[in-house]
N, C-alpha and C. Protein backbone atom coordinates (compact mmCIF):
# COMPACT_ATOMS: atom_id res chain seq x y z
N MET A 1 13.88 -15.91 18.17
CA MET A 1 13.37 -15.47 19.66
C MET A 1 14.10 -16.92 20.38
N THR A 2 14.38 -16.54 21.75
CA THR A 2 15.12 -17.70 22.34
C THR A 2 13.56 -18.25 23.25
N ALA A 3 13.71 -19.67 23.99
CA ALA A 3 12.87 -19.83 24.93
C ALA A 3 12.48 -19.03 26.15
N HIS A 4 13.60 -17.90 26.14
CA HIS A 4 13.69 -16.92 27.62
C HIS A 4 12.84 -16.38 27.28
N GLU A 5 12.93 -15.70 25.70
CA GLU A 5 12.49 -14.41 25.33
C GLU A 5 10.68 -14.21 25.75
N PRO A 6 10.40 -13.30 26.10
CA PRO A 6 8.19 -13.70 26.42
C PRO A 6 7.71 -13.47 24.55
N LEU A 7 7.10 -13.92 24.57
CA LEU A 7 6.21 -13.76 23.13
C LEU A 7 5.48 -12.41 22.72
N PRO A 8 5.89 -11.29 21.90
CA PRO A 8 5.24 -9.94 22.16
C PRO A 8 4.13 -9.90 22.01
N ASP A 9 3.75 -8.65 22.70
CA ASP A 9 2.08 -8.68 23.39
C ASP A 9 1.05 -7.98 22.27
N ASP A 10 -0.21 -8.00 22.22
CA ASP A 10 -0.99 -7.46 21.33
C ASP A 10 -0.31 -6.10 20.38
N ALA A 11 0.06 -5.34 21.56
CA ALA A 11 0.36 -3.99 20.82
C ALA A 11 1.52 -3.74 20.11
N SER A 12 2.88 -4.84 20.49
CA SER A 12 3.60 -4.84 19.47
C SER A 12 3.52 -5.84 17.97
N VAL A 13 2.30 -6.62 18.22
CA VAL A 13 2.20 -7.27 17.16
C VAL A 13 1.22 -6.15 15.98
N GLY A 14 0.49 -4.94 16.50
CA GLY A 14 -0.58 -4.28 16.25
C GLY A 14 0.40 -3.09 15.15
N LEU A 15 1.95 -3.01 16.15
CA LEU A 15 2.52 -1.96 15.54
C LEU A 15 3.36 -2.48 14.84
N ALA A 16 3.91 -3.32 14.22
CA ALA A 16 4.42 -4.78 13.50
C ALA A 16 3.91 -4.67 12.31
N PHE A 17 2.30 -4.50 12.15
CA PHE A 17 1.39 -4.67 11.25
C PHE A 17 1.56 -3.17 10.72
N ASP A 18 1.16 -1.91 11.69
CA ASP A 18 1.20 -1.06 11.02
C ASP A 18 2.07 -0.59 10.84
N HIS A 19 3.63 -0.87 11.05
CA HIS A 19 4.28 0.01 10.15
C HIS A 19 5.18 -0.98 9.94
N ALA A 20 4.67 -1.82 9.23
CA ALA A 20 5.92 -2.92 8.18
C ALA A 20 6.10 -2.04 6.81
N PRO A 21 7.01 -2.71 6.77
CA PRO A 21 7.59 -1.54 5.16
C PRO A 21 6.92 -2.24 3.82
N VAL A 22 6.10 -3.44 4.16
CA VAL A 22 5.35 -3.42 2.77
C VAL A 22 3.55 -3.27 3.04
N GLY A 23 2.70 -3.32 2.30
CA GLY A 23 1.61 -3.21 2.36
C GLY A 23 1.03 -4.37 2.62
N LEU A 24 0.20 -4.14 3.97
CA LEU A 24 -0.51 -5.33 4.68
C LEU A 24 -1.60 -5.01 4.44
N CYS A 25 -2.83 -6.10 4.18
CA CYS A 25 -4.38 -5.89 4.44
C CYS A 25 -5.06 -7.04 4.80
N LEU A 26 -5.83 -6.74 5.46
CA LEU A 26 -6.92 -7.69 5.96
C LEU A 26 -8.33 -7.34 5.29
N SER A 27 -9.10 -8.91 4.38
CA SER A 27 -10.26 -8.93 3.62
C SER A 27 -11.07 -9.61 4.27
N ARG A 28 -12.50 -9.42 4.54
CA ARG A 28 -13.35 -10.17 4.52
C ARG A 28 -14.23 -10.22 3.23
N GLU A 29 -14.19 -11.39 1.94
CA GLU A 29 -15.02 -11.07 1.33
C GLU A 29 -14.64 -9.75 0.16
N ARG A 30 -12.98 -9.91 0.22
CA ARG A 30 -12.95 -8.66 -0.87
C ARG A 30 -12.92 -7.39 -0.49
N VAL A 31 -13.33 -7.21 0.74
CA VAL A 31 -13.68 -5.84 1.58
C VAL A 31 -12.33 -5.94 2.27
N ILE A 32 -11.94 -4.57 2.24
CA ILE A 32 -10.88 -3.83 3.40
C ILE A 32 -11.19 -4.38 4.47
N VAL A 33 -10.60 -4.87 5.62
CA VAL A 33 -11.19 -5.00 6.95
C VAL A 33 -10.24 -3.70 7.95
N ARG A 34 -9.04 -3.82 7.16
CA ARG A 34 -7.71 -3.13 7.99
C ARG A 34 -6.69 -3.06 6.99
N CYS A 35 -5.70 -2.07 7.54
CA CYS A 35 -4.73 -2.19 6.22
C CYS A 35 -3.72 -1.30 6.92
N ASN A 36 -2.38 -1.54 6.59
CA ASN A 36 -1.59 -1.07 7.64
C ASN A 36 -0.97 0.94 6.28
N GLU A 37 -0.01 1.32 7.16
CA GLU A 37 0.20 2.76 6.43
C GLU A 37 1.01 2.46 5.35
N ALA A 38 1.68 1.78 4.84
CA ALA A 38 1.97 1.51 3.29
C ALA A 38 1.22 0.98 2.92
N PHE A 39 0.47 0.30 2.99
CA PHE A 39 -0.63 -0.28 1.35
C PHE A 39 -1.34 1.44 1.81
N GLY A 40 -1.96 1.80 2.54
CA GLY A 40 -2.54 2.86 1.93
C GLY A 40 -1.87 4.13 1.04
N GLU A 41 -0.51 4.53 1.45
CA GLU A 41 0.15 5.56 0.65
C GLU A 41 0.46 4.66 -0.64
N MET A 42 0.91 3.59 -0.84
CA MET A 42 1.05 2.99 -1.62
C MET A 42 -0.37 3.44 -3.05
N PHE A 43 -1.77 3.38 -2.50
CA PHE A 43 -3.07 3.71 -3.34
C PHE A 43 -3.24 4.52 -3.34
N GLY A 44 -2.91 5.67 -2.38
CA GLY A 44 -3.21 7.22 -1.96
C GLY A 44 -4.18 7.36 -1.33
N TRP A 45 -4.58 6.50 -0.23
CA TRP A 45 -5.64 6.57 1.01
C TRP A 45 -4.45 6.63 2.12
N ALA A 46 -5.63 6.77 3.68
CA ALA A 46 -5.16 6.77 4.76
C ALA A 46 -5.87 5.77 4.70
N PRO A 47 -5.28 4.68 5.69
CA PRO A 47 -5.50 3.44 6.33
C PRO A 47 -7.13 3.58 6.77
N GLU A 48 -7.65 4.53 7.37
CA GLU A 48 -9.04 4.49 7.85
C GLU A 48 -9.93 4.85 6.23
N GLU A 49 -9.66 5.24 5.18
CA GLU A 49 -10.48 5.42 4.26
C GLU A 49 -10.58 4.41 3.42
N LEU A 50 -9.68 3.66 4.16
CA LEU A 50 -9.91 2.12 2.97
C LEU A 50 -11.15 1.17 3.60
N ALA A 51 -10.83 1.27 4.85
CA ALA A 51 -11.10 0.23 6.00
C ALA A 51 -13.32 0.54 5.65
N GLY A 52 -13.71 -0.84 5.14
CA GLY A 52 -15.25 -0.74 4.73
C GLY A 52 -15.28 -0.53 3.41
N ARG A 53 -14.36 -0.53 2.09
CA ARG A 53 -14.12 -0.49 0.86
C ARG A 53 -13.97 -1.86 0.23
N SER A 54 -14.45 -1.88 -1.00
CA SER A 54 -14.04 -3.03 -1.54
C SER A 54 -13.36 -3.10 -2.29
N MET A 55 -11.96 -3.97 -2.59
CA MET A 55 -10.56 -3.78 -2.68
C MET A 55 -11.40 -3.22 -4.53
N GLN A 56 -12.18 -3.74 -5.35
CA GLN A 56 -12.28 -3.12 -6.62
C GLN A 56 -11.72 -1.68 -6.97
N HIS A 57 -12.26 -0.77 -5.57
CA HIS A 57 -11.41 0.34 -6.00
C HIS A 57 -10.02 0.49 -6.68
N LEU A 58 -9.60 -0.78 -6.02
CA LEU A 58 -7.94 -0.37 -6.22
C LEU A 58 -7.65 -0.88 -7.62
N TYR A 59 -8.41 -1.69 -8.91
CA TYR A 59 -8.10 -2.06 -9.53
C TYR A 59 -8.49 -1.08 -10.99
N PRO A 60 -7.66 -1.21 -11.78
CA PRO A 60 -8.26 -0.34 -12.63
C PRO A 60 -9.54 -0.46 -13.88
N SER A 61 -10.21 -1.45 -13.24
CA SER A 61 -11.42 -1.74 -13.89
C SER A 61 -12.11 -2.84 -12.97
N ALA A 62 -13.47 -2.99 -13.08
CA ALA A 62 -14.79 -3.67 -12.70
C ALA A 62 -14.05 -5.49 -13.39
N GLU A 63 -13.81 -5.45 -14.38
CA GLU A 63 -13.38 -6.91 -15.34
C GLU A 63 -12.39 -7.17 -14.32
N GLU A 64 -11.35 -6.38 -14.85
CA GLU A 64 -10.22 -7.44 -13.64
C GLU A 64 -10.17 -7.15 -12.16
N PHE A 65 -11.46 -6.69 -11.75
CA PHE A 65 -11.23 -7.17 -10.40
C PHE A 65 -11.76 -8.69 -10.41
N GLU A 66 -13.15 -8.89 -11.24
CA GLU A 66 -13.40 -9.90 -11.19
C GLU A 66 -12.46 -11.07 -11.69
N HIS A 67 -11.73 -11.28 -12.78
CA HIS A 67 -11.56 -12.24 -13.29
C HIS A 67 -10.00 -12.76 -11.94
N ILE A 68 -9.35 -11.40 -11.74
CA ILE A 68 -8.17 -11.98 -10.92
C ILE A 68 -8.71 -12.22 -9.86
N GLY A 69 -10.37 -12.29 -9.25
CA GLY A 69 -10.70 -12.83 -8.13
C GLY A 69 -11.28 -14.13 -8.69
N ALA A 70 -11.83 -14.22 -9.62
CA ALA A 70 -11.94 -15.61 -9.84
C ALA A 70 -10.73 -16.64 -10.39
N GLN A 71 -9.24 -16.31 -10.76
CA GLN A 71 -8.04 -17.00 -10.76
C GLN A 71 -7.50 -17.19 -9.42
N GLY A 72 -7.80 -16.30 -8.66
CA GLY A 72 -7.04 -16.42 -6.79
C GLY A 72 -8.22 -17.31 -6.13
N LEU A 73 -9.37 -17.25 -6.54
CA LEU A 73 -10.30 -18.13 -5.81
C LEU A 73 -10.21 -19.35 -6.26
N VAL A 74 -9.87 -19.71 -7.02
CA VAL A 74 -9.23 -21.57 -7.29
C VAL A 74 -8.30 -21.72 -6.77
N ALA A 75 -7.04 -21.16 -6.75
CA ALA A 75 -5.55 -21.38 -6.27
C ALA A 75 -6.08 -21.26 -4.86
N MET A 76 -6.44 -20.47 -4.25
CA MET A 76 -6.57 -20.14 -3.04
C MET A 76 -7.32 -21.75 -2.24
N ARG A 77 -8.24 -22.15 -2.89
CA ARG A 77 -9.39 -23.68 -2.67
C ARG A 77 -8.15 -24.83 -2.66
N GLU A 78 -7.57 -24.83 -3.40
CA GLU A 78 -6.38 -25.83 -3.62
C GLU A 78 -5.33 -25.54 -2.66
N THR A 79 -4.87 -24.53 -2.45
CA THR A 79 -3.00 -24.34 -2.19
C THR A 79 -3.50 -23.35 -0.66
N GLY A 80 -4.42 -22.19 -0.39
CA GLY A 80 -4.76 -21.96 0.49
C GLY A 80 -4.53 -20.77 0.20
N ARG A 81 -3.06 -20.54 -0.91
CA ARG A 81 -2.24 -19.17 -1.15
C ARG A 81 -2.84 -18.86 -2.33
N TYR A 82 -2.55 -17.72 -3.02
CA TYR A 82 -2.11 -16.94 -4.38
C TYR A 82 -1.35 -15.52 -4.49
N SER A 83 -0.63 -15.79 -5.30
CA SER A 83 0.74 -14.53 -6.03
C SER A 83 0.67 -14.13 -7.23
N ASP A 84 0.89 -12.94 -7.42
CA ASP A 84 0.75 -12.83 -8.78
C ASP A 84 1.15 -11.15 -8.47
N GLU A 85 1.74 -10.38 -9.85
CA GLU A 85 2.28 -9.35 -10.92
C GLU A 85 0.91 -8.89 -11.53
N ARG A 86 0.45 -7.96 -11.23
CA ARG A 86 -0.39 -7.32 -11.66
C ARG A 86 -0.19 -5.82 -11.62
N ILE A 87 -1.49 -4.98 -12.58
CA ILE A 87 -1.65 -3.73 -12.72
C ILE A 87 -2.53 -3.06 -12.06
N MET A 88 -2.27 -1.84 -10.94
CA MET A 88 -3.32 -1.59 -9.29
C MET A 88 -3.35 -0.38 -9.98
N ARG A 89 -4.42 0.34 -9.23
CA ARG A 89 -4.91 1.76 -9.84
C ARG A 89 -4.70 2.40 -8.22
N HIS A 90 -3.95 3.58 -8.13
CA HIS A 90 -3.65 4.61 -7.28
C HIS A 90 -4.98 5.57 -7.32
N ARG A 91 -5.33 6.42 -6.26
CA ARG A 91 -6.34 6.95 -5.79
C ARG A 91 -6.45 7.96 -7.20
N SER A 92 -5.77 8.75 -7.41
CA SER A 92 -5.14 9.87 -8.50
C SER A 92 -5.71 8.91 -10.31
N GLY A 93 -5.96 7.53 -9.90
CA GLY A 93 -5.65 6.93 -11.65
C GLY A 93 -4.71 6.39 -12.22
N ARG A 94 -3.40 6.42 -11.85
CA ARG A 94 -2.28 6.54 -12.36
C ARG A 94 -1.86 4.67 -11.72
N LEU A 95 -1.81 4.39 -12.87
CA LEU A 95 -1.46 2.35 -13.20
C LEU A 95 -0.43 2.66 -12.46
N PHE A 96 -0.27 1.27 -11.97
CA PHE A 96 1.39 1.15 -11.55
C PHE A 96 1.22 -0.74 -10.97
N TRP A 97 2.34 -1.48 -11.65
CA TRP A 97 2.83 -2.63 -10.77
C TRP A 97 2.92 -2.87 -9.67
N VAL A 98 1.91 -3.97 -9.12
CA VAL A 98 2.30 -4.24 -7.71
C VAL A 98 2.54 -6.00 -8.16
N HIS A 99 3.53 -6.40 -6.74
CA HIS A 99 3.57 -8.17 -6.65
C HIS A 99 2.62 -7.98 -5.22
N VAL A 100 1.36 -9.00 -5.83
CA VAL A 100 0.64 -9.23 -4.65
C VAL A 100 0.55 -10.63 -3.97
N ALA A 101 0.74 -11.14 -2.66
CA ALA A 101 0.53 -12.32 -2.06
C ALA A 101 -0.32 -12.13 -1.45
N GLY A 102 -1.37 -13.66 -1.23
CA GLY A 102 -2.19 -13.58 0.05
C GLY A 102 -2.35 -14.76 0.46
N ARG A 103 -2.90 -15.07 1.57
CA ARG A 103 -3.31 -16.27 2.15
C ARG A 103 -4.56 -16.31 2.63
N ALA A 104 -5.16 -17.15 2.38
CA ALA A 104 -6.74 -17.79 3.11
C ALA A 104 -6.97 -18.34 4.02
N LEU A 105 -7.78 -17.51 5.10
CA LEU A 105 -7.47 -18.40 7.01
C LEU A 105 -8.13 -19.87 6.54
N ARG A 106 -9.31 -19.89 5.65
CA ARG A 106 -10.37 -20.87 5.61
C ARG A 106 -9.41 -21.32 3.83
N ARG A 107 -9.31 -22.63 3.77
CA ARG A 107 -9.16 -22.87 2.38
C ARG A 107 -10.73 -23.05 1.87
N ASP A 108 -11.48 -23.89 2.42
CA ASP A 108 -12.90 -23.83 1.91
C ASP A 108 -13.85 -22.58 1.48
N LEU A 109 -13.36 -21.76 2.16
CA LEU A 109 -14.03 -20.17 1.82
C LEU A 109 -12.71 -19.28 2.05
N PRO A 110 -12.44 -19.46 0.94
CA PRO A 110 -10.77 -18.60 0.42
C PRO A 110 -11.15 -17.16 1.07
N PHE A 111 -12.57 -16.30 0.13
CA PHE A 111 -12.43 -15.11 0.59
C PHE A 111 -13.05 -14.54 1.99
N ALA A 112 -13.52 -15.62 2.79
CA ALA A 112 -14.32 -15.43 4.14
C ALA A 112 -13.40 -14.60 4.82
N GLN A 113 -12.40 -14.58 4.87
CA GLN A 113 -10.87 -13.70 5.55
C GLN A 113 -9.94 -14.49 4.93
N ALA A 114 -8.71 -13.15 4.88
CA ALA A 114 -7.52 -13.73 3.74
C ALA A 114 -6.54 -12.18 4.50
N VAL A 115 -5.45 -12.80 4.12
CA VAL A 115 -4.86 -11.61 4.97
C VAL A 115 -3.52 -11.47 3.62
N TRP A 116 -3.05 -10.23 3.30
CA TRP A 116 -2.58 -10.03 1.78
C TRP A 116 -0.99 -9.04 2.09
N MET A 117 -0.16 -8.84 1.43
CA MET A 117 0.82 -8.38 1.07
C MET A 117 0.68 -7.94 -0.28
N PHE A 118 1.44 -6.62 -0.67
CA PHE A 118 1.56 -5.59 -1.74
C PHE A 118 2.49 -5.12 -1.69
N GLU A 119 3.28 -4.98 -2.56
CA GLU A 119 4.33 -4.67 -2.72
C GLU A 119 4.39 -4.17 -3.82
N ASP A 120 4.84 -2.45 -3.63
CA ASP A 120 4.82 -1.70 -5.25
C ASP A 120 6.13 -2.15 -5.72
N ILE A 121 5.79 -2.46 -7.30
CA ILE A 121 7.03 -3.03 -7.90
C ILE A 121 7.61 -2.00 -9.51
N SER A 122 6.79 -0.89 -9.11
CA SER A 122 7.04 -0.44 -10.45
C SER A 122 8.23 0.58 -10.63
N ALA A 123 9.37 0.95 -9.57
CA ALA A 123 10.26 1.32 -9.99
C ALA A 123 11.18 0.40 -10.64
N ARG A 124 10.98 -1.19 -11.04
CA ARG A 124 11.51 -2.14 -11.81
C ARG A 124 10.65 -2.70 -12.83
N ARG A 125 9.65 -2.11 -13.12
CA ARG A 125 8.30 -2.70 -13.83
C ARG A 125 7.00 -1.37 -13.79
N ALA A 126 7.54 -0.23 -14.98
CA ALA A 126 6.40 1.02 -15.14
C ALA A 126 5.48 0.74 -15.99
N VAL A 127 4.44 1.40 -15.94
CA VAL A 127 3.29 1.15 -16.73
C VAL A 127 3.72 2.28 -17.86
N THR A 128 4.00 1.67 -18.81
CA THR A 128 4.22 3.41 -19.87
C THR A 128 3.50 3.47 -21.25
N VAL A 129 2.57 2.32 -21.16
CA VAL A 129 1.98 2.37 -22.46
C VAL A 129 0.33 1.90 -21.85
N ASP A 130 -0.50 3.08 -22.79
CA ASP A 130 -1.94 2.78 -22.21
C ASP A 130 -2.67 1.58 -22.82
N LEU A 131 -3.05 0.54 -21.84
CA LEU A 131 -3.59 -0.63 -22.40
C LEU A 131 -4.73 -0.54 -21.94
N THR A 132 -5.50 -1.44 -22.48
CA THR A 132 -7.60 -2.15 -22.39
C THR A 132 -6.87 -2.89 -21.27
N ALA A 133 -8.35 -3.59 -20.48
CA ALA A 133 -8.26 -4.16 -19.50
C ALA A 133 -7.64 -5.78 -19.87
N ARG A 134 -8.50 -5.98 -20.94
CA ARG A 134 -7.85 -7.10 -21.71
C ARG A 134 -6.36 -7.09 -21.61
N GLU A 135 -5.98 -6.34 -22.34
CA GLU A 135 -4.73 -6.05 -22.89
C GLU A 135 -3.58 -6.07 -21.75
N ARG A 136 -4.35 -6.20 -20.53
CA ARG A 136 -3.29 -5.97 -19.61
C ARG A 136 -3.42 -6.98 -19.04
N GLU A 137 -4.45 -7.72 -18.53
CA GLU A 137 -4.87 -9.37 -17.95
C GLU A 137 -3.89 -10.20 -19.25
N ILE A 138 -3.78 -10.11 -20.85
CA ILE A 138 -2.49 -10.61 -21.72
C ILE A 138 -1.59 -10.71 -21.38
N VAL A 139 -0.79 -9.41 -21.17
CA VAL A 139 0.53 -9.22 -20.76
C VAL A 139 0.67 -9.32 -19.22
N ARG A 140 -0.06 -9.82 -18.11
CA ARG A 140 0.07 -10.03 -16.91
C ARG A 140 0.31 -11.82 -17.35
N GLN A 141 -0.59 -12.72 -18.09
CA GLN A 141 -0.47 -14.04 -18.61
C GLN A 141 0.71 -14.21 -18.99
N LEU A 142 1.67 -13.57 -20.09
CA LEU A 142 2.71 -13.88 -20.55
C LEU A 142 3.64 -13.03 -19.92
N ALA A 143 3.63 -12.50 -19.24
CA ALA A 143 4.81 -12.40 -18.03
C ALA A 143 4.97 -13.36 -17.14
N ALA A 144 3.60 -14.14 -16.61
CA ALA A 144 4.03 -15.34 -15.69
C ALA A 144 4.59 -16.49 -16.30
N GLY A 145 4.71 -16.66 -18.10
CA GLY A 145 4.73 -17.32 -18.40
C GLY A 145 3.64 -18.58 -18.93
N ALA A 146 2.28 -17.55 -19.41
CA ALA A 146 1.49 -18.65 -19.40
C ALA A 146 1.45 -18.66 -21.54
N SER A 147 1.26 -19.85 -21.92
CA SER A 147 1.13 -19.85 -23.30
C SER A 147 0.18 -19.25 -24.32
N THR A 148 0.12 -19.14 -25.37
CA THR A 148 -1.28 -18.75 -26.04
C THR A 148 -2.59 -19.48 -26.01
N LYS A 149 -2.26 -20.82 -25.59
CA LYS A 149 -3.61 -21.26 -25.89
C LYS A 149 -3.87 -21.64 -24.47
N HIS A 150 -2.79 -21.68 -22.86
CA HIS A 150 -3.70 -21.22 -21.98
C HIS A 150 -4.33 -19.92 -21.70
N ILE A 151 -3.80 -18.96 -22.52
CA ILE A 151 -4.21 -17.82 -21.95
C ILE A 151 -5.78 -17.58 -22.79
N ALA A 152 -6.22 -18.36 -23.85
CA ALA A 152 -6.84 -18.64 -24.56
C ALA A 152 -8.08 -19.69 -23.63
N ARG A 153 -8.01 -20.50 -23.07
CA ARG A 153 -8.53 -20.95 -22.17
C ARG A 153 -9.02 -20.54 -20.88
N LEU A 154 -8.01 -19.78 -20.42
CA LEU A 154 -8.04 -19.01 -19.34
C LEU A 154 -9.20 -17.56 -19.16
N LEU A 155 -9.11 -17.20 -20.46
CA LEU A 155 -9.69 -16.14 -20.76
C LEU A 155 -11.19 -15.98 -21.73
N GLY A 156 -12.02 -17.66 -21.96
CA GLY A 156 -12.66 -17.88 -22.59
C GLY A 156 -12.63 -17.41 -24.20
N ILE A 157 -11.61 -17.41 -24.61
CA ILE A 157 -11.28 -16.74 -25.94
C ILE A 157 -10.79 -17.79 -27.19
N SER A 158 -10.67 -17.60 -28.27
CA SER A 158 -9.45 -18.26 -28.86
C SER A 158 -8.07 -17.79 -28.97
N PRO A 159 -7.40 -19.12 -28.98
CA PRO A 159 -6.23 -18.66 -29.28
C PRO A 159 -5.62 -17.42 -30.38
N ARG A 160 -6.26 -17.77 -31.60
CA ARG A 160 -6.30 -16.41 -32.42
C ARG A 160 -6.48 -15.16 -32.04
N THR A 161 -7.52 -15.05 -31.04
CA THR A 161 -8.26 -13.63 -30.81
C THR A 161 -6.49 -13.59 -29.80
N VAL A 162 -5.73 -14.07 -28.51
CA VAL A 162 -5.24 -13.70 -28.09
C VAL A 162 -4.04 -12.95 -29.11
N GLU A 163 -3.59 -13.99 -30.17
CA GLU A 163 -2.27 -13.36 -30.95
C GLU A 163 -2.39 -12.41 -31.65
N GLY A 164 -4.35 -12.26 -31.74
CA GLY A 164 -4.21 -10.49 -32.15
C GLY A 164 -4.18 -9.64 -31.09
N HIS A 165 -4.61 -9.68 -30.11
CA HIS A 165 -4.10 -9.08 -28.91
C HIS A 165 -2.88 -8.36 -28.80
N ARG A 166 -2.31 -9.48 -28.88
CA ARG A 166 -0.34 -9.28 -28.56
C ARG A 166 0.09 -9.00 -29.98
N ALA A 167 0.14 -9.15 -30.63
CA ALA A 167 -0.16 -8.01 -32.23
C ALA A 167 -0.18 -6.59 -31.19
N ARG A 168 -1.49 -6.45 -31.03
CA ARG A 168 -1.55 -5.14 -31.16
C ARG A 168 -1.09 -4.19 -30.12
N ILE A 169 -0.69 -5.16 -29.01
CA ILE A 169 0.32 -5.21 -27.56
C ILE A 169 1.58 -4.37 -28.42
N ILE A 170 2.42 -5.22 -29.50
CA ILE A 170 3.56 -5.23 -29.74
C ILE A 170 3.45 -4.04 -30.63
N ARG A 171 2.84 -3.58 -30.96
CA ARG A 171 2.54 -2.39 -32.05
C ARG A 171 2.93 -1.37 -31.05
N LYS A 172 1.56 -1.26 -29.95
CA LYS A 172 1.73 -0.04 -29.28
C LYS A 172 3.05 0.13 -28.97
N VAL A 173 3.73 -0.87 -28.11
CA VAL A 173 4.56 -0.91 -27.19
C VAL A 173 6.00 -0.14 -28.04
N GLY A 174 6.07 -0.71 -29.88
CA GLY A 174 7.27 -0.14 -30.87
C GLY A 174 8.21 -1.51 -30.84
N ALA A 175 7.45 -2.38 -30.24
CA ALA A 175 8.47 -3.59 -30.09
C ALA A 175 8.67 -4.70 -31.73
N ARG A 176 9.67 -5.05 -31.89
CA ARG A 176 9.49 -6.28 -32.94
C ARG A 176 9.48 -7.77 -32.66
N SER A 177 9.31 -7.73 -31.33
CA SER A 177 8.85 -9.36 -30.98
C SER A 177 8.20 -9.53 -29.81
N ALA A 178 7.58 -10.47 -29.63
CA ALA A 178 7.00 -10.78 -28.34
C ALA A 178 7.48 -10.37 -27.44
N ALA A 179 9.00 -11.72 -26.96
CA ALA A 179 10.27 -10.90 -25.76
C ALA A 179 10.54 -9.52 -26.00
N GLU A 180 10.63 -8.76 -26.89
CA GLU A 180 11.13 -7.42 -26.64
C GLU A 180 10.01 -6.25 -26.23
N MET A 181 8.45 -6.90 -26.47
CA MET A 181 7.22 -6.21 -26.02
C MET A 181 7.17 -6.50 -24.32
N LEU A 182 7.20 -7.97 -24.01
CA LEU A 182 7.48 -8.37 -22.79
C LEU A 182 8.63 -7.56 -22.06
N ALA A 183 10.13 -7.61 -22.37
CA ALA A 183 10.66 -6.85 -21.76
C ALA A 183 10.51 -5.47 -21.53
N ARG A 184 9.99 -4.82 -22.31
CA ARG A 184 9.56 -3.31 -22.63
C ARG A 184 8.50 -3.09 -21.22
N LEU A 185 7.27 -3.50 -21.33
CA LEU A 185 6.77 -3.96 -20.26
C LEU A 185 7.03 -4.22 -19.08
N VAL A 186 7.44 -4.99 -18.56
CA VAL A 186 8.13 -5.47 -17.42
C VAL A 186 9.46 -4.89 -16.62
N GLY A 187 9.65 -4.03 -17.73
CA GLY A 187 11.20 -3.05 -17.28
C GLY A 187 12.79 -3.72 -17.40
N LEU A 188 12.46 -4.52 -17.96
CA LEU A 188 13.52 -5.11 -18.36
C LEU A 188 14.59 -4.82 -19.46
N ALA A 189 14.03 -3.68 -20.38
CA ALA A 189 14.23 -3.23 -21.72
C ALA A 189 14.02 -1.52 -21.81
C-alpha cells in the first residue's frame, strides 16, 4: 500500500475476513463471537450456527478443551500469543489435525478477547488411529518436541505413566519405535 492509496473501508475488511482462505475466529472467554466461511466449513457448521457457541464443541473431549486452554492461557499471558497443532472434531464426529494460532487483545486477560486462525492440515497429517484423549495429548506434546519429563510435569502424571502411554500408542500404530510412531501419526511415514 502506498501513501496515496486510501485505507480499506469497513466493508472491505469484513469481506477479507469472511473470505480468507483459512479459518478465522473472534472469541470472548472461549466463546465464538464471529467466524468466517472457511472456519465454518472446516468444522461442518455454517458460521452463524457457531456464533455464541463455546469452542468446546470443536474439541474431541471436554478434557482436551480444558487442558489446551490452560496451556494457551499461560502462553498468552506471557507473550500475548499461542500456537500449536492439535486434533479437533468435525460436526460429524470425524477427528482431524489443525494448526492453530491465536492472539489475545489484552495479555492481562487473554481469553477476554482473542483472534484465532485455524488451518486444516489433515492432508499432510491424517488421524489414522483411535486414541484416547490422554494419548492424543501425549502425541501432541511429543510432536512438539517435548520430553517425557516435561510431558509428565505438564500433565501432572509420572514419567513412567507417560512411557506406558507412549508404549501403548506405539503398539496401536504398529510401529517399532517412538520415532516411527510419531512419523506415522504426523503423516511423515
